[in-house]
Amino acid sequence: MDLTLNASTLYPTRIVLNMANRRSVGITVSSVKPGEALPVSFFRYDAAKHPGLPVVDLR
């Protein structure tokens, strides 16, 4: 993985994933919204919305 950061803000501007088969996938970050408050529910998996899918917790 190659990660390019903005020198003044240290926010990512480009992410490139280099795979074993010599292919790569690049992502360009066009904007970042720092400090935006997200509810706890944003980070929780709601199993009721996806019935029949197993939940594998590797903690």
N, C-alpha and C. Protein backbone atom coordinates (compact mmCIF):
# COMPACT_ATOMS: atom_id res chain seq x y z
N MET A 1 0.84 -1.16 0.00
CA MET A 1 0.00 0.00 0.00
C MET A 1 0.89 1.23 0.00
N ASP A 2 0.55 2.18 -0.84
CA ASP A 2 1.22 3.48 -0.86
C ASP A 2 0.22 4.52 -0.42
N LEU A 3 0.60 5.32 0.54
CA LEU A 3 -0.27 6.36 1.08
C LEU A 3 0.41 7.70 0.89
N THR A 4 -0.27 8.62 0.20
CA THR A 4 0.26 9.96 -0.01
C THR A 4 -0.50 10.92 0.89
N LEU A 5 0.25 11.71 1.66
CA LEU A 5 -0.35 12.66 2.60
C LEU A 5 -0.08 14.09 2.16
N ASN A 6 -1.00 14.98 2.49
CA ASN A 6 -0.80 16.41 2.29
C ASN A 6 0.23 16.86 3.33
N ALA A 7 1.28 17.53 2.92
CA ALA A 7 2.38 17.90 3.81
C ALA A 7 1.95 18.84 4.93
N SER A 8 0.98 19.71 4.68
CA SER A 8 0.59 20.68 5.71
C SER A 8 -0.50 20.16 6.64
N THR A 9 -1.43 19.35 6.13
CA THR A 9 -2.54 18.89 6.97
C THR A 9 -2.37 17.46 7.46
N LEU A 10 -1.51 16.69 6.78
CA LEU A 10 -1.31 15.26 7.03
C LEU A 10 -2.55 14.42 6.74
N TYR A 11 -3.49 14.96 5.98
CA TYR A 11 -4.64 14.19 5.54
C TYR A 11 -4.24 13.39 4.29
N PRO A 12 -4.83 12.21 4.11
CA PRO A 12 -4.49 11.43 2.92
C PRO A 12 -5.04 12.10 1.66
N THR A 13 -4.24 12.05 0.59
CA THR A 13 -4.69 12.59 -0.70
C THR A 13 -4.80 11.48 -1.75
N ARG A 14 -4.05 10.39 -1.56
CA ARG A 14 -4.10 9.27 -2.51
C ARG A 14 -3.70 7.99 -1.79
N ILE A 15 -4.42 6.91 -2.10
CA ILE A 15 -4.14 5.59 -1.55
C ILE A 15 -4.05 4.63 -2.73
N VAL A 16 -2.95 3.90 -2.81
CA VAL A 16 -2.76 2.91 -3.88
C VAL A 16 -2.49 1.56 -3.23
N LEU A 17 -3.30 0.57 -3.59
CA LEU A 17 -3.12 -0.79 -3.11
C LEU A 17 -2.44 -1.59 -4.20
N ASN A 18 -1.27 -2.13 -3.89
CA ASN A 18 -0.50 -2.94 -4.83
C ASN A 18 -0.71 -4.40 -4.48
N MET A 19 -1.26 -5.17 -5.41
CA MET A 19 -1.59 -6.57 -5.13
C MET A 19 -0.49 -7.51 -5.62
N ALA A 20 -0.56 -8.75 -5.17
CA ALA A 20 0.46 -9.75 -5.49
C ALA A 20 0.53 -10.04 -6.99
N ASN A 21 -0.57 -9.89 -7.71
CA ASN A 21 -0.58 -10.17 -9.15
C ASN A 21 -0.12 -8.96 -9.98
N ARG A 22 0.55 -8.03 -9.32
CA ARG A 22 1.11 -6.82 -9.94
C ARG A 22 0.06 -5.82 -10.43
N ARG A 23 -1.15 -6.00 -10.04
CA ARG A 23 -2.19 -5.01 -10.34
C ARG A 23 -2.28 -4.05 -9.17
N SER A 24 -2.85 -2.89 -9.43
CA SER A 24 -3.00 -1.92 -8.35
C SER A 24 -4.34 -1.22 -8.47
N VAL A 25 -4.81 -0.75 -7.34
CA VAL A 25 -6.06 -0.01 -7.27
C VAL A 25 -5.74 1.32 -6.61
N GLY A 26 -6.11 2.42 -7.25
CA GLY A 26 -5.83 3.74 -6.70
C GLY A 26 -7.09 4.47 -6.31
N ILE A 27 -7.02 5.16 -5.19
CA ILE A 27 -8.14 5.96 -4.69
C ILE A 27 -7.61 7.37 -4.46
N THR A 28 -8.26 8.35 -5.06
CA THR A 28 -7.89 9.75 -4.84
C THR A 28 -8.90 10.37 -3.88
N VAL A 29 -8.40 10.96 -2.81
CA VAL A 29 -9.25 11.59 -1.80
C VAL A 29 -9.39 13.05 -2.18
N SER A 30 -10.61 13.46 -2.50
CA SER A 30 -10.82 14.84 -2.95
C SER A 30 -11.17 15.79 -1.82
N SER A 31 -11.72 15.28 -0.72
CA SER A 31 -12.02 16.16 0.41
C SER A 31 -12.09 15.34 1.70
N VAL A 32 -11.81 16.04 2.80
CA VAL A 32 -11.87 15.43 4.13
C VAL A 32 -12.62 16.39 5.03
N LYS A 33 -13.54 15.85 5.82
CA LYS A 33 -14.29 16.67 6.78
C LYS A 33 -13.88 16.26 8.19
N PRO A 34 -12.87 16.91 8.74
CA PRO A 34 -12.41 16.54 10.07
C PRO A 34 -13.40 16.99 11.15
N GLY A 35 -13.46 16.22 12.20
CA GLY A 35 -14.25 16.61 13.36
C GLY A 35 -15.74 16.42 13.23
N GLU A 36 -16.21 15.81 12.15
CA GLU A 36 -17.64 15.59 12.00
C GLU A 36 -18.08 14.51 12.99
N ALA A 37 -19.05 14.83 13.82
CA ALA A 37 -19.54 13.88 14.82
C ALA A 37 -20.44 12.84 14.16
N LEU A 38 -20.16 11.58 14.41
CA LEU A 38 -20.97 10.49 13.88
C LEU A 38 -21.59 9.74 15.04
N PRO A 39 -22.84 9.34 14.91
CA PRO A 39 -23.48 8.60 16.00
C PRO A 39 -22.85 7.22 16.16
N VAL A 40 -22.90 6.67 17.36
CA VAL A 40 -22.35 5.33 17.63
C VAL A 40 -22.99 4.30 16.72
N SER A 41 -24.26 4.48 16.38
CA SER A 41 -24.96 3.53 15.53
C SER A 41 -24.32 3.42 14.14
N PHE A 42 -23.59 4.43 13.71
CA PHE A 42 -22.91 4.41 12.43
C PHE A 42 -21.87 3.30 12.37
N PHE A 43 -21.29 2.95 13.51
CA PHE A 43 -20.22 1.96 13.57
C PHE A 43 -20.70 0.58 14.02
N ARG A 44 -21.98 0.42 14.22
CA ARG A 44 -22.52 -0.86 14.68
C ARG A 44 -23.21 -1.58 13.53
N TYR A 45 -23.00 -2.88 13.46
CA TYR A 45 -23.63 -3.71 12.43
C TYR A 45 -25.02 -4.10 12.89
N ASP A 46 -26.01 -3.79 12.10
CA ASP A 46 -27.40 -4.13 12.43
C ASP A 46 -27.76 -5.44 11.74
N ALA A 47 -27.67 -6.54 12.49
CA ALA A 47 -27.93 -7.87 11.93
C ALA A 47 -29.37 -8.01 11.45
N ALA A 48 -30.30 -7.25 12.02
CA ALA A 48 -31.70 -7.33 11.61
C ALA A 48 -31.89 -6.84 10.17
N LYS A 49 -31.03 -5.96 9.70
CA LYS A 49 -31.14 -5.46 8.32
C LYS A 49 -30.61 -6.47 7.30
N HIS A 50 -29.87 -7.48 7.77
CA HIS A 50 -29.27 -8.46 6.87
C HIS A 50 -29.52 -9.87 7.42
N PRO A 51 -30.77 -10.31 7.42
CA PRO A 51 -31.07 -11.62 7.99
C PRO A 51 -30.41 -12.74 7.19
N GLY A 52 -29.96 -13.77 7.90
CA GLY A 52 -29.36 -14.92 7.25
C GLY A 52 -27.86 -14.84 7.05
N LEU A 53 -27.27 -13.65 7.26
CA LEU A 53 -25.82 -13.52 7.12
C LEU A 53 -25.16 -13.74 8.47
N PRO A 54 -24.14 -14.57 8.52
CA PRO A 54 -23.47 -14.81 9.80
C PRO A 54 -22.62 -13.61 10.21
N VAL A 55 -22.49 -13.41 11.50
CA VAL A 55 -21.63 -12.37 12.05
C VAL A 55 -20.41 -13.06 12.64
N VAL A 56 -19.24 -12.72 12.13
CA VAL A 56 -18.00 -13.31 12.63
C VAL A 56 -17.24 -12.22 13.39
N ASP A 57 -17.16 -12.37 14.69
CA ASP A 57 -16.50 -11.39 15.55
C ASP A 57 -15.12 -11.93 15.91
N LEU A 58 -14.08 -11.31 15.40
CA LEU A 58 -12.71 -11.79 15.60
C LEU A 58 -11.96 -11.00 16.67
N ARG A 59 -12.71 -10.44 17.61
CA ARG A 59 -12.02 -9.68 18.67
C ARG A 59 -11.21 -10.56 19.55
